[in-house]
PDB file of all heavy atoms in Angstrom:
ATOM      1  N   THR A   1      22.482  18.340  35.355  1.00  0.00           N
ATOM      2  CA  THR A   1      21.868  18.986  36.516  1.00  0.00           C
ATOM      3  C   THR A   1      22.717  18.782  37.764  1.00  0.00           C
ATOM      4  O   THR A   1      22.964  17.657  38.177  1.00  0.00           O
ATOM      5  CB  THR A   1      20.440  18.432  36.765  1.00  0.00           C
ATOM      6  OG1 THR A   1      19.662  18.651  35.593  1.00  0.00           O
ATOM      7  CG2 THR A   1      19.799  19.127  37.936  1.00  0.00           C
ATOM      8  N   SER A   2      23.152  19.894  38.342  1.00  0.00           N
ATOM      9  CA  SER A   2      23.958  19.803  39.571  1.00  0.00           C
ATOM     10  C   SER A   2      23.078  19.684  40.811  1.00  0.00           C
ATOM     11  O   SER A   2      23.474  19.091  41.799  1.00  0.00           O
ATOM     12  CB  SER A   2      24.869  21.032  39.692  1.00  0.00           C
ATOM     13  OG  SER A   2      24.103  22.238  39.680  1.00  0.00           O
ATOM     14  N   ASP A   3      21.879  20.251  40.745  1.00  0.00           N
ATOM     15  CA  ASP A   3      20.971  20.236  41.907  1.00  0.00           C
ATOM     16  C   ASP A   3      19.881  19.182  41.687  1.00  0.00           C
ATOM     17  O   ASP A   3      18.776  19.486  41.232  1.00  0.00           O
ATOM     18  CB  ASP A   3      20.360  21.619  42.107  1.00  0.00           C
ATOM     19  CG  ASP A   3      19.616  21.736  43.423  1.00  0.00           C
ATOM     20  OD1 ASP A   3      19.481  20.713  44.122  1.00  0.00           O
ATOM     21  OD2 ASP A   3      19.181  22.841  43.760  1.00  0.00           O
ATOM     22  N   GLN A   4      20.201  17.941  42.038  1.00  0.00           N
ATOM     23  CA  GLN A   4      19.228  16.859  41.870  1.00  0.00           C
ATOM     24  C   GLN A   4      18.066  16.998  42.860  1.00  0.00           C
ATOM     25  O   GLN A   4      16.958  16.530  42.600  1.00  0.00           O
ATOM     26  CB  GLN A   4      19.909  15.498  42.057  1.00  0.00           C
ATOM     27  CG  GLN A   4      20.921  15.157  40.985  1.00  0.00           C
ATOM     28  CD  GLN A   4      20.291  14.961  39.619  1.00  0.00           C
ATOM     29  OE1 GLN A   4      19.087  14.787  39.504  1.00  0.00           O
ATOM     30  NE2 GLN A   4      21.090  15.000  38.559  1.00  0.00           N
ATOM     31  N   ARG A   5      18.326  17.668  43.976  1.00  0.00           N
ATOM     32  CA  ARG A   5      17.252  17.840  44.962  1.00  0.00           C
ATOM     33  C   ARG A   5      16.131  18.716  44.389  1.00  0.00           C
ATOM     34  O   ARG A   5      14.946  18.453  44.619  1.00  0.00           O
ATOM     35  CB  ARG A   5      17.802  18.446  46.227  1.00  0.00           C
ATOM     36  CG  ARG A   5      18.654  17.486  47.057  1.00  0.00           C
ATOM     37  CD  ARG A   5      19.228  18.156  48.271  1.00  0.00           C
ATOM     38  NE  ARG A   5      20.120  19.295  47.902  1.00  0.00           N
ATOM     39  CZ  ARG A   5      20.736  20.072  48.778  1.00  0.00           C
ATOM     40  NH1 ARG A   5      20.564  19.869  50.077  1.00  0.00           N
ATOM     41  NH2 ARG A   5      21.521  21.064  48.369  1.00  0.00           N
ATOM     42  N   LEU A   6      16.508  19.778  43.655  1.00  0.00           N
ATOM     43  CA  LEU A   6      15.493  20.628  43.048  1.00  0.00           C
ATOM     44  C   LEU A   6      14.696  19.832  42.017  1.00  0.00           C
ATOM     45  O   LEU A   6      13.447  19.924  41.996  1.00  0.00           O
ATOM     46  CB  LEU A   6      16.155  21.816  42.359  1.00  0.00           C
ATOM     47  CG  LEU A   6      15.218  22.703  41.521  1.00  0.00           C
ATOM     48  CD1 LEU A   6      14.113  23.282  42.377  1.00  0.00           C
ATOM     49  CD2 LEU A   6      16.000  23.808  40.821  1.00  0.00           C
ATOM     50  N   ALA A   7      15.370  19.064  41.179  1.00  0.00           N
ATOM     51  CA  ALA A   7      14.675  18.249  40.178  1.00  0.00           C
ATOM     52  C   ALA A   7      13.703  17.280  40.838  1.00  0.00           C
ATOM     53  O   ALA A   7      12.556  17.102  40.383  1.00  0.00           O
ATOM     54  CB  ALA A   7      15.694  17.486  39.336  1.00  0.00           C
ATOM     55  N   GLN A   8      14.112  16.679  41.949  1.00  0.00           N
ATOM     56  CA  GLN A   8      13.247  15.746  42.658  1.00  0.00           C
ATOM     57  C   GLN A   8      12.035  16.451  43.236  1.00  0.00           C
ATOM     58  O   GLN A   8      10.903  15.957  43.156  1.00  0.00           O
ATOM     59  CB  GLN A   8      14.030  15.031  43.763  1.00  0.00           C
ATOM     60  CG  GLN A   8      13.229  13.976  44.525  1.00  0.00           C
ATOM     61  CD  GLN A   8      12.794  12.809  43.656  1.00  0.00           C
ATOM     62  OE1 GLN A   8      13.439  12.514  42.649  1.00  0.00           O
ATOM     63  NE2 GLN A   8      11.715  12.146  44.020  1.00  0.00           N
ATOM     64  N   LYS A   9      12.242  17.642  43.805  1.00  0.00           N
ATOM     65  CA  LYS A   9      11.122  18.409  44.368  1.00  0.00           C
ATOM     66  C   LYS A   9      10.113  18.784  43.298  1.00  0.00           C
ATOM     67  O   LYS A   9       8.891  18.787  43.545  1.00  0.00           O
ATOM     68  CB  LYS A   9      11.644  19.660  45.075  1.00  0.00           C
ATOM     69  CG  LYS A   9      12.341  19.377  46.391  1.00  0.00           C
ATOM     70  CD  LYS A   9      12.810  20.675  47.033  1.00  0.00           C
ATOM     71  CE  LYS A   9      13.510  20.385  48.364  1.00  0.00           C
ATOM     72  NZ  LYS A   9      14.019  21.637  48.998  1.00  0.00           N
ATOM     73  N   LEU A  10      10.601  19.136  42.114  1.00  0.00           N
ATOM     74  CA  LEU A  10       9.694  19.482  41.025  1.00  0.00           C
ATOM     75  C   LEU A  10       8.838  18.280  40.611  1.00  0.00           C
ATOM     76  O   LEU A  10       7.642  18.431  40.337  1.00  0.00           O
ATOM     77  CB  LEU A  10      10.491  19.992  39.826  1.00  0.00           C
ATOM     78  CG  LEU A  10      11.181  21.356  40.023  1.00  0.00           C
ATOM     79  CD1 LEU A  10      12.125  21.647  38.877  1.00  0.00           C
ATOM     80  CD2 LEU A  10      10.141  22.481  40.158  1.00  0.00           C
ATOM     81  N   HIS A  11       9.436  17.089  40.592  1.00  0.00           N
ATOM     82  CA  HIS A  11       8.655  15.892  40.280  1.00  0.00           C
ATOM     83  C   HIS A  11       7.674  15.560  41.409  1.00  0.00           C
ATOM     84  O   HIS A  11       6.543  15.140  41.147  1.00  0.00           O
ATOM     85  CB  HIS A  11       9.605  14.704  40.060  1.00  0.00           C
ATOM     86  CG  HIS A  11      10.284  14.717  38.727  1.00  0.00           C
ATOM     87  ND1 HIS A  11      11.395  15.470  38.468  1.00  0.00           N
ATOM     88  CD2 HIS A  11       9.989  14.076  37.559  1.00  0.00           C
ATOM     89  CE1 HIS A  11      11.770  15.283  37.210  1.00  0.00           C
ATOM     90  NE2 HIS A  11      10.932  14.443  36.631  1.00  0.00           N
ATOM     91  N   GLU A  12       8.108  15.739  42.641  1.00  0.00           N
ATOM     92  CA  GLU A  12       7.237  15.463  43.782  1.00  0.00           C
ATOM     93  C   GLU A  12       6.033  16.390  43.792  1.00  0.00           C
ATOM     94  O   GLU A  12       4.941  15.994  44.235  1.00  0.00           O
ATOM     95  CB  GLU A  12       8.036  15.570  45.073  1.00  0.00           C
ATOM     96  CG  GLU A  12       9.024  14.415  45.256  1.00  0.00           C
ATOM     97  CD  GLU A  12       9.950  14.615  46.451  1.00  0.00           C
ATOM     98  OE1 GLU A  12       9.881  15.703  47.089  1.00  0.00           O
ATOM     99  OE2 GLU A  12      10.733  13.696  46.761  1.00  0.00           O
ATOM    100  N   ALA A  13       6.218  17.640  43.353  1.00  0.00           N
ATOM    101  CA  ALA A  13       5.091  18.568  43.285  1.00  0.00           C
ATOM    102  C   ALA A  13       4.053  18.097  42.272  1.00  0.00           C
ATOM    103  O   ALA A  13       2.834  18.211  42.497  1.00  0.00           O
ATOM    104  CB  ALA A  13       5.597  19.967  42.913  1.00  0.00           C
ATOM    105  N   ILE A  14       4.519  17.549  41.162  1.00  0.00           N
ATOM    106  CA  ILE A  14       3.587  17.004  40.162  1.00  0.00           C
ATOM    107  C   ILE A  14       2.817  15.817  40.773  1.00  0.00           C
ATOM    108  O   ILE A  14       1.590  15.735  40.674  1.00  0.00           O
ATOM    109  CB  ILE A  14       4.337  16.563  38.905  1.00  0.00           C
ATOM    110  CG1 ILE A  14       5.018  17.758  38.231  1.00  0.00           C
ATOM    111  CG2 ILE A  14       3.375  15.867  37.912  1.00  0.00           C
ATOM    112  CD1 ILE A  14       5.987  17.378  37.132  1.00  0.00           C
ATOM    113  N   GLU A  15       3.558  14.918  41.390  1.00  0.00           N
ATOM    114  CA  GLU A  15       2.952  13.737  42.022  1.00  0.00           C
ATOM    115  C   GLU A  15       1.911  14.135  43.053  1.00  0.00           C
ATOM    116  O   GLU A  15       0.792  13.591  43.097  1.00  0.00           O
ATOM    117  CB  GLU A  15       4.041  12.876  42.647  1.00  0.00           C
ATOM    118  CG  GLU A  15       3.577  11.546  43.222  1.00  0.00           C
ATOM    119  CD  GLU A  15       3.064  11.633  44.654  1.00  0.00           C
ATOM    120  OE1 GLU A  15       3.353  12.644  45.333  1.00  0.00           O
ATOM    121  OE2 GLU A  15       2.348  10.708  45.092  1.00  0.00           O
ATOM    122  N   LYS A  16       2.255  15.105  43.884  1.00  0.00           N
ATOM    123  CA  LYS A  16       1.357  15.541  44.954  1.00  0.00           C
ATOM    124  C   LYS A  16       0.046  16.092  44.396  1.00  0.00           C
ATOM    125  O   LYS A  16      -1.045  15.745  44.879  1.00  0.00           O
ATOM    126  CB  LYS A  16       2.048  16.586  45.828  1.00  0.00           C
ATOM    127  CG  LYS A  16       1.162  17.145  46.943  1.00  0.00           C
ATOM    128  CD  LYS A  16       1.910  18.186  47.751  1.00  0.00           C
ATOM    129  CE  LYS A  16       1.022  18.779  48.836  1.00  0.00           C
ATOM    130  NZ  LYS A  16       1.738  19.810  49.632  1.00  0.00           N
ATOM    131  N   ASN A  17       0.141  16.937  43.385  1.00  0.00           N
ATOM    132  CA  ASN A  17      -1.053  17.578  42.868  1.00  0.00           C
ATOM    133  C   ASN A  17      -1.940  16.613  42.082  1.00  0.00           C
ATOM    134  O   ASN A  17      -3.172  16.784  42.053  1.00  0.00           O
ATOM    135  CB  ASN A  17      -0.671  18.789  42.022  1.00  0.00           C
ATOM    136  CG  ASN A  17      -0.195  19.957  42.886  1.00  0.00           C
ATOM    137  OD1 ASN A  17      -0.909  20.432  43.731  1.00  0.00           O
ATOM    138  ND2 ASN A  17       1.024  20.392  42.646  1.00  0.00           N
ATOM    139  N   ILE A  18      -1.331  15.623  41.468  1.00  0.00           N
ATOM    140  CA  ILE A  18      -2.147  14.584  40.816  1.00  0.00           C
ATOM    141  C   ILE A  18      -2.837  13.746  41.895  1.00  0.00           C
ATOM    142  O   ILE A  18      -4.019  13.424  41.781  1.00  0.00           O
ATOM    143  CB  ILE A  18      -1.285  13.709  39.895  1.00  0.00           C
ATOM    144  CG1 ILE A  18      -0.798  14.518  38.702  1.00  0.00           C
ATOM    145  CG2 ILE A  18      -2.077  12.488  39.420  1.00  0.00           C
ATOM    146  CD1 ILE A  18       0.156  13.760  37.776  1.00  0.00           C
ATOM    147  N   ARG A  19      -2.079  13.420  42.930  1.00  0.00           N
ATOM    148  CA  ARG A  19      -2.643  12.611  44.029  1.00  0.00           C
ATOM    149  C   ARG A  19      -3.796  13.337  44.706  1.00  0.00           C
ATOM    150  O   ARG A  19      -4.809  12.715  45.073  1.00  0.00           O
ATOM    151  CB  ARG A  19      -1.533  12.291  45.035  1.00  0.00           C
ATOM    152  CG  ARG A  19      -1.987  11.528  46.278  1.00  0.00           C
ATOM    153  CD  ARG A  19      -0.820  10.891  47.018  1.00  0.00           C
ATOM    154  NE  ARG A  19       0.345  11.733  47.053  1.00  0.00           N
ATOM    155  CZ  ARG A  19       0.577  12.704  47.953  1.00  0.00           C
ATOM    156  NH1 ARG A  19      -0.333  12.959  48.898  1.00  0.00           N
ATOM    157  NH2 ARG A  19       1.696  13.403  47.908  1.00  0.00           N
ATOM    158  N   LEU A  20      -3.672  14.658  44.902  1.00  0.00           N
ATOM    159  CA  LEU A  20      -4.710  15.448  45.560  1.00  0.00           C
ATOM    160  C   LEU A  20      -5.796  15.917  44.594  1.00  0.00           C
ATOM    161  O   LEU A  20      -6.700  16.659  44.973  1.00  0.00           O
ATOM    162  CB  LEU A  20      -4.087  16.650  46.277  1.00  0.00           C
ATOM    163  CG  LEU A  20      -3.114  16.303  47.410  1.00  0.00           C
ATOM    164  CD1 LEU A  20      -2.516  17.566  48.007  1.00  0.00           C
ATOM    165  CD2 LEU A  20      -3.800  15.472  48.488  1.00  0.00           C
ATOM    166  N   GLN A  21      -5.654  15.491  43.333  1.00  0.00           N
ATOM    167  CA  GLN A  21      -6.649  15.787  42.298  1.00  0.00           C
ATOM    168  C   GLN A  21      -6.851  17.288  42.104  1.00  0.00           C
ATOM    169  O   GLN A  21      -7.955  17.802  42.112  1.00  0.00           O
ATOM    170  CB  GLN A  21      -7.969  15.086  42.585  1.00  0.00           C
ATOM    171  CG  GLN A  21      -7.801  13.540  42.582  1.00  0.00           C
ATOM    172  CD  GLN A  21      -9.109  12.809  42.793  1.00  0.00           C
ATOM    173  OE1 GLN A  21      -9.752  12.943  43.816  1.00  0.00           O
ATOM    174  NE2 GLN A  21      -9.488  12.011  41.785  1.00  0.00           N
ATOM    175  N   ARG A  22      -5.723  17.972  41.903  1.00  0.00           N
ATOM    176  CA  ARG A  22      -5.720  19.422  41.635  1.00  0.00           C
ATOM    177  C   ARG A  22      -5.216  19.640  40.202  1.00  0.00           C
ATOM    178  O   ARG A  22      -4.020  19.811  39.989  1.00  0.00           O
ATOM    179  CB  ARG A  22      -4.806  20.139  42.626  1.00  0.00           C
ATOM    180  CG  ARG A  22      -5.205  19.973  44.085  1.00  0.00           C
ATOM    181  CD  ARG A  22      -4.109  20.536  44.962  1.00  0.00           C
ATOM    182  NE  ARG A  22      -4.434  20.470  46.383  1.00  0.00           N
ATOM    183  CZ  ARG A  22      -3.555  20.714  47.369  1.00  0.00           C
ATOM    184  NH1 ARG A  22      -2.290  21.002  47.043  1.00  0.00           N
ATOM    185  NH2 ARG A  22      -3.932  20.641  48.619  1.00  0.00           N
ATOM    186  N   PRO A  23      -6.074  19.645  39.224  1.00  0.00           N
ATOM    187  CA  PRO A  23      -5.632  19.732  37.826  1.00  0.00           C
ATOM    188  C   PRO A  23      -4.854  20.995  37.492  1.00  0.00           C
ATOM    189  O   PRO A  23      -3.829  20.939  36.803  1.00  0.00           O
ATOM    190  CB  PRO A  23      -6.932  19.627  37.022  1.00  0.00           C
ATOM    191  CG  PRO A  23      -8.036  19.898  38.001  1.00  0.00           C
ATOM    192  CD  PRO A  23      -7.533  19.461  39.324  1.00  0.00           C
ATOM    193  N   ASP A  24      -5.324  22.163  37.952  1.00  0.00           N
ATOM    194  CA  ASP A  24      -4.620  23.414  37.632  1.00  0.00           C
ATOM    195  C   ASP A  24      -3.223  23.424  38.254  1.00  0.00           C
ATOM    196  O   ASP A  24      -2.246  23.837  37.619  1.00  0.00           O
ATOM    197  CB  ASP A  24      -5.415  24.631  38.130  1.00  0.00           C
ATOM    198  CG  ASP A  24      -6.678  24.838  37.314  1.00  0.00           C
ATOM    199  OD1 ASP A  24      -6.710  24.395  36.160  1.00  0.00           O
ATOM    200  OD2 ASP A  24      -7.631  25.470  37.859  1.00  0.00           O
ATOM    201  N   ALA A  25      -3.134  22.967  39.500  1.00  0.00           N
ATOM    202  CA  ALA A  25      -1.836  22.925  40.170  1.00  0.00           C
ATOM    203  C   ALA A  25      -0.909  21.914  39.521  1.00  0.00           C
ATOM    204  O   ALA A  25       0.300  22.142  39.407  1.00  0.00           O
ATOM    205  CB  ALA A  25      -2.032  22.602  41.651  1.00  0.00           C
ATOM    206  N   ALA A  26      -1.468  20.785  39.084  1.00  0.00           N
ATOM    207  CA  ALA A  26      -0.657  19.766  38.409  1.00  0.00           C
ATOM    208  C   ALA A  26      -0.109  20.316  37.095  1.00  0.00           C
ATOM    209  O   ALA A  26       1.071  20.115  36.751  1.00  0.00           O
ATOM    210  CB  ALA A  26      -1.487  18.517  38.162  1.00  0.00           C
ATOM    211  N   ARG A  27      -0.948  21.003  36.345  1.00  0.00           N
ATOM    212  CA  ARG A  27      -0.538  21.613  35.072  1.00  0.00           C
ATOM    213  C   ARG A  27       0.619  22.592  35.304  1.00  0.00           C
ATOM    214  O   ARG A  27       1.628  22.582  34.580  1.00  0.00           O
ATOM    215  CB  ARG A  27      -1.730  22.334  34.446  1.00  0.00           C
ATOM    216  CG  ARG A  27      -1.429  22.950  33.093  1.00  0.00           C
ATOM    217  CD  ARG A  27      -2.585  23.764  32.593  1.00  0.00           C
ATOM    218  NE  ARG A  27      -3.790  22.976  32.327  1.00  0.00           N
ATOM    219  CZ  ARG A  27      -4.922  23.044  33.032  1.00  0.00           C
ATOM    220  NH1 ARG A  27      -4.994  23.866  34.074  1.00  0.00           N
ATOM    221  NH2 ARG A  27      -5.957  22.298  32.714  1.00  0.00           N
ATOM    222  N   ASN A  28       0.493  23.450  36.309  1.00  0.00           N
ATOM    223  CA  ASN A  28       1.518  24.450  36.588  1.00  0.00           C
ATOM    224  C   ASN A  28       2.804  23.801  37.109  1.00  0.00           C
ATOM    225  O   ASN A  28       3.919  24.270  36.816  1.00  0.00           O
ATOM    226  CB  ASN A  28       1.005  25.472  37.612  1.00  0.00           C
ATOM    227  CG  ASN A  28      -0.075  26.363  37.009  1.00  0.00           C
ATOM    228  OD1 ASN A  28      -0.085  26.611  35.800  1.00  0.00           O
ATOM    229  ND2 ASN A  28      -1.009  26.817  37.850  1.00  0.00           N
ATOM    230  N   ALA A  29       2.656  22.720  37.870  1.00  0.00           N
ATOM    231  CA  ALA A  29       3.850  22.017  38.371  1.00  0.00           C
ATOM    232  C   ALA A  29       4.657  21.433  37.213  1.00  0.00           C
ATOM    233  O   ALA A  29       5.898  21.454  37.222  1.00  0.00           O
ATOM    234  CB  ALA A  29       3.425  20.928  39.346  1.00  0.00           C
ATOM    235  N   VAL A  30       3.961  20.888  36.227  1.00  0.00           N
ATOM    236  CA  VAL A  30       4.656  20.364  35.037  1.00  0.00           C
ATOM    237  C   VAL A  30       5.359  21.485  34.280  1.00  0.00           C
ATOM    238  O   VAL A  30       6.491  21.328  33.825  1.00  0.00           O
ATOM    239  CB  VAL A  30       3.682  19.620  34.104  1.00  0.00           C
ATOM    240  CG1 VAL A  30       4.354  19.254  32.792  1.00  0.00           C
ATOM    241  CG2 VAL A  30       3.144  18.370  34.794  1.00  0.00           C
ATOM    242  N   ARG A  31       4.705  22.619  34.153  1.00  0.00           N
ATOM    243  CA  ARG A  31       5.327  23.750  33.462  1.00  0.00           C
ATOM    244  C   ARG A  31       6.597  24.218  34.167  1.00  0.00           C
ATOM    245  O   ARG A  31       7.569  24.612  33.514  1.00  0.00           O
ATOM    246  CB  ARG A  31       4.314  24.892  33.319  1.00  0.00           C
ATOM    247  CG  ARG A  31       3.225  24.598  32.290  1.00  0.00           C
ATOM    248  CD  ARG A  31       2.159  25.666  32.267  1.00  0.00           C
ATOM    249  NE  ARG A  31       1.173  25.390  31.199  1.00  0.00           N
ATOM    250  CZ  ARG A  31      -0.047  25.902  31.186  1.00  0.00           C
ATOM    251  NH1 ARG A  31      -0.463  26.697  32.165  1.00  0.00           N
ATOM    252  NH2 ARG A  31      -0.865  25.609  30.174  1.00  0.00           N
ATOM    253  N   ARG A  32       6.586  24.184  35.495  1.00  0.00           N
ATOM    254  CA  ARG A  32       7.805  24.563  36.234  1.00  0.00           C
ATOM    255  C   ARG A  32       8.936  23.573  35.971  1.00  0.00           C
ATOM    256  O   ARG A  32      10.096  23.954  35.810  1.00  0.00           O
ATOM    257  CB  ARG A  32       7.516  24.657  37.723  1.00  0.00           C
ATOM    258  CG  ARG A  32       6.696  25.881  38.120  1.00  0.00           C
ATOM    259  CD  ARG A  32       6.691  26.106  39.623  1.00  0.00           C
ATOM    260  NE  ARG A  32       5.975  25.040  40.326  1.00  0.00           N
ATOM    261  CZ  ARG A  32       4.670  25.043  40.556  1.00  0.00           C
ATOM    262  NH1 ARG A  32       3.921  26.056  40.112  1.00  0.00           N
ATOM    263  NH2 ARG A  32       4.085  24.063  41.217  1.00  0.00           N
ATOM    264  N   LEU A  33       8.580  22.282  35.925  1.00  0.00           N
ATOM    265  CA  LEU A  33       9.596  21.266  35.625  1.00  0.00           C
ATOM    266  C   LEU A  33      10.158  21.452  34.219  1.00  0.00           C
ATOM    267  O   LEU A  33      11.380  21.375  34.009  1.00  0.00           O
ATOM    268  CB  LEU A  33       8.984  19.864  35.763  1.00  0.00           C
ATOM    269  CG  LEU A  33       9.893  18.698  35.327  1.00  0.00           C
ATOM    270  CD1 LEU A  33      11.110  18.591  36.235  1.00  0.00           C
ATOM    271  CD2 LEU A  33       9.117  17.390  35.323  1.00  0.00           C
ATOM    272  N   LEU A  34       9.277  21.695  33.251  1.00  0.00           N
ATOM    273  CA  LEU A  34       9.731  21.880  31.869  1.00  0.00           C
ATOM    274  C   LEU A  34      10.601  23.133  31.732  1.00  0.00           C
ATOM    275  O   LEU A  34      11.582  23.133  30.980  1.00  0.00           O
ATOM    276  CB  LEU A  34       8.532  21.963  30.929  1.00  0.00           C
ATOM    277  CG  LEU A  34       7.706  20.684  30.779  1.00  0.00           C
ATOM    278  CD1 LEU A  34       6.465  20.931  29.932  1.00  0.00           C
ATOM    279  CD2 LEU A  34       8.532  19.565  30.177  1.00  0.00           C
ATOM    280  N   ALA A  35      10.248  24.181  32.448  1.00  0.00           N
ATOM    281  CA  ALA A  35      11.064  25.405  32.403  1.00  0.00           C
ATOM    282  C   ALA A  35      12.453  25.134  32.960  1.00  0.00           C
ATOM    283  O   ALA A  35      13.460  25.640  32.441  1.00  0.00           O
ATOM    284  CB  ALA A  35      10.369  26.507  33.203  1.00  0.00           C
ATOM    285  N   ASN A  36      12.524  24.331  34.010  1.00  0.00           N
ATOM    286  CA  ASN A  36      13.828  23.974  34.573  1.00  0.00           C
ATOM    287  C   ASN A  36      14.652  23.159  33.583  1.00  0.00           C
ATOM    288  O   ASN A  36      15.859  23.371  33.419  1.00  0.00           O
ATOM    289  CB  ASN A  36      13.625  23.172  35.870  1.00  0.00           C
ATOM    290  CG  ASN A  36      14.938  22.785  36.521  1.00  0.00           C
ATOM    291  OD1 ASN A  36      15.663  23.629  37.035  1.00  0.00           O
ATOM    292  ND2 ASN A  36      15.243  21.493  36.515  1.00  0.00           N
ATOM    293  N   THR A  37      13.990  22.226  32.886  1.00  0.00           N
ATOM    294  CA  THR A  37      14.695  21.429  31.879  1.00  0.00           C
ATOM    295  C   THR A  37      15.167  22.304  30.719  1.00  0.00           C
ATOM    296  O   THR A  37      16.274  22.128  30.207  1.00  0.00           O
ATOM    297  CB  THR A  37      13.758  20.312  31.351  1.00  0.00           C
ATOM    298  OG1 THR A  37      13.297  19.527  32.435  1.00  0.00           O
ATOM    299  CG2 THR A  37      14.506  19.420  30.364  1.00  0.00           C
ATOM    300  N   ASP A  38      14.327  23.254  30.306  1.00  0.00           N
ATOM    301  CA  ASP A  38      14.716  24.185  29.251  1.00  0.00           C
ATOM    302  C   ASP A  38      15.988  24.932  29.651  1.00  0.00           C
ATOM    303  O   ASP A  38      16.899  25.169  28.840  1.00  0.00           O
ATOM    304  CB  ASP A  38      13.614  25.209  28.980  1.00  0.00           C
ATOM    305  CG  ASP A  38      12.398  24.581  28.301  1.00  0.00           C
ATOM    306  OD1 ASP A  38      12.547  23.507  27.696  1.00  0.00           O
ATOM    307  OD2 ASP A  38      11.309  25.181  28.374  1.00  0.00           O
ATOM    308  N   GLU A  39      16.047  25.338  30.919  1.00  0.00           N
ATOM    309  CA  GLU A  39      17.214  26.086  31.422  1.00  0.00           C
ATOM    310  C   GLU A  39      18.460  25.219  31.389  1.00  0.00           C
ATOM    311  O   GLU A  39      19.550  25.673  31.016  1.00  0.00           O
ATOM    312  CB  GLU A  39      16.936  26.568  32.847  1.00  0.00           C
ATOM    313  CG  GLU A  39      18.048  27.429  33.408  1.00  0.00           C
ATOM    314  CD  GLU A  39      17.732  27.907  34.825  1.00  0.00           C
ATOM    315  OE1 GLU A  39      16.560  27.820  35.251  1.00  0.00           O
ATOM    316  OE2 GLU A  39      18.675  28.341  35.501  1.00  0.00           O
ATOM    317  N   VAL A  40      18.317  23.953  31.745  1.00  0.00           N
ATOM    318  CA  VAL A  40      19.475  23.020  31.732  1.00  0.00           C
ATOM    319  C   VAL A  40      19.989  22.866  30.308  1.00  0.00           C
ATOM    320  O   VAL A  40      21.203  22.906  30.057  1.00  0.00           O
ATOM    321  CB  VAL A  40      19.079  21.644  32.315  1.00  0.00           C
ATOM    322  CG1 VAL A  40      20.193  20.630  32.123  1.00  0.00           C
ATOM    323  CG2 VAL A  40      18.744  21.783  33.793  1.00  0.00           C
ATOM    324  N   ILE A  41      19.085  22.695  29.343  1.00  0.00           N
ATOM    325  CA  ILE A  41      19.482  22.559  27.953  1.00  0.00           C
ATOM    326  C   ILE A  41      20.136  23.827  27.444  1.00  0.00           C
ATOM    327  O   ILE A  41      21.138  23.793  26.741  1.00  0.00           O
ATOM    328  CB  ILE A  41      18.258  22.182  27.078  1.00  0.00           C
ATOM    329  CG1 ILE A  41      17.725  20.807  27.458  1.00  0.00           C
ATOM    330  CG2 ILE A  41      18.631  22.214  25.581  1.00  0.00           C
ATOM    331  CD1 ILE A  41      16.431  20.439  26.779  1.00  0.00           C
ATOM    332  N   GLY A  42      19.591  24.969  27.853  1.00  0.00           N
ATOM    333  CA  GLY A  42      20.163  26.246  27.439  1.00  0.00           C
ATOM    334  C   GLY A  42      21.577  26.442  27.979  1.00  0.00           C
ATOM    335  O   GLY A  42      22.457  26.961  27.279  1.00  0.00           O
ATOM    336  N   ARG A  43      21.794  26.020  29.233  1.00  0.00           N
ATOM    337  CA  ARG A  43      23.129  26.166  29.829  1.00  0.00           C
ATOM    338  C   ARG A  43      24.158  25.320  29.088  1.00  0.00           C
ATOM    339  O   ARG A  43      25.326  25.688  29.017  1.00  0.00           O
ATOM    340  CB  ARG A  43      23.114  25.759  31.299  1.00  0.00           C
ATOM    341  CG  ARG A  43      22.474  26.778  32.226  1.00  0.00           C
ATOM    342  CD  ARG A  43      22.928  26.564  33.658  1.00  0.00           C
ATOM    343  NE  ARG A  43      22.695  25.199  34.119  1.00  0.00           N
ATOM    344  CZ  ARG A  43      21.596  24.821  34.797  1.00  0.00           C
ATOM    345  NH1 ARG A  43      20.650  25.711  35.049  1.00  0.00           N
ATOM    346  NH2 ARG A  43      21.448  23.582  35.206  1.00  0.00           N
ATOM    347  N   SER A  44      23.711  24.193  28.533  1.00  0.00           N
ATOM    348  CA  SER A  44      24.687  23.310  27.867  1.00  0.00           C
ATOM    349  C   SER A  44      25.255  23.915  26.606  1.00  0.00           C
ATOM    350  O   SER A  44      26.298  23.500  26.106  1.00  0.00           O
ATOM    351  CB  SER A  44      23.998  21.976  27.527  1.00  0.00           C
ATOM    352  OG  SER A  44      23.054  22.146  26.479  1.00  0.00           O
TER     353      SER A  44
END
């Protein structure tokens, strides 16, 4: 991953939505992180 800031923001979004007790938003935040990881693996 060349853009560590994006990866960190994706993790922070998960943390925030769990902290604010937003289950749907937390679920979607994880899916965005996983999609980003899928893209990194695909690029390799």
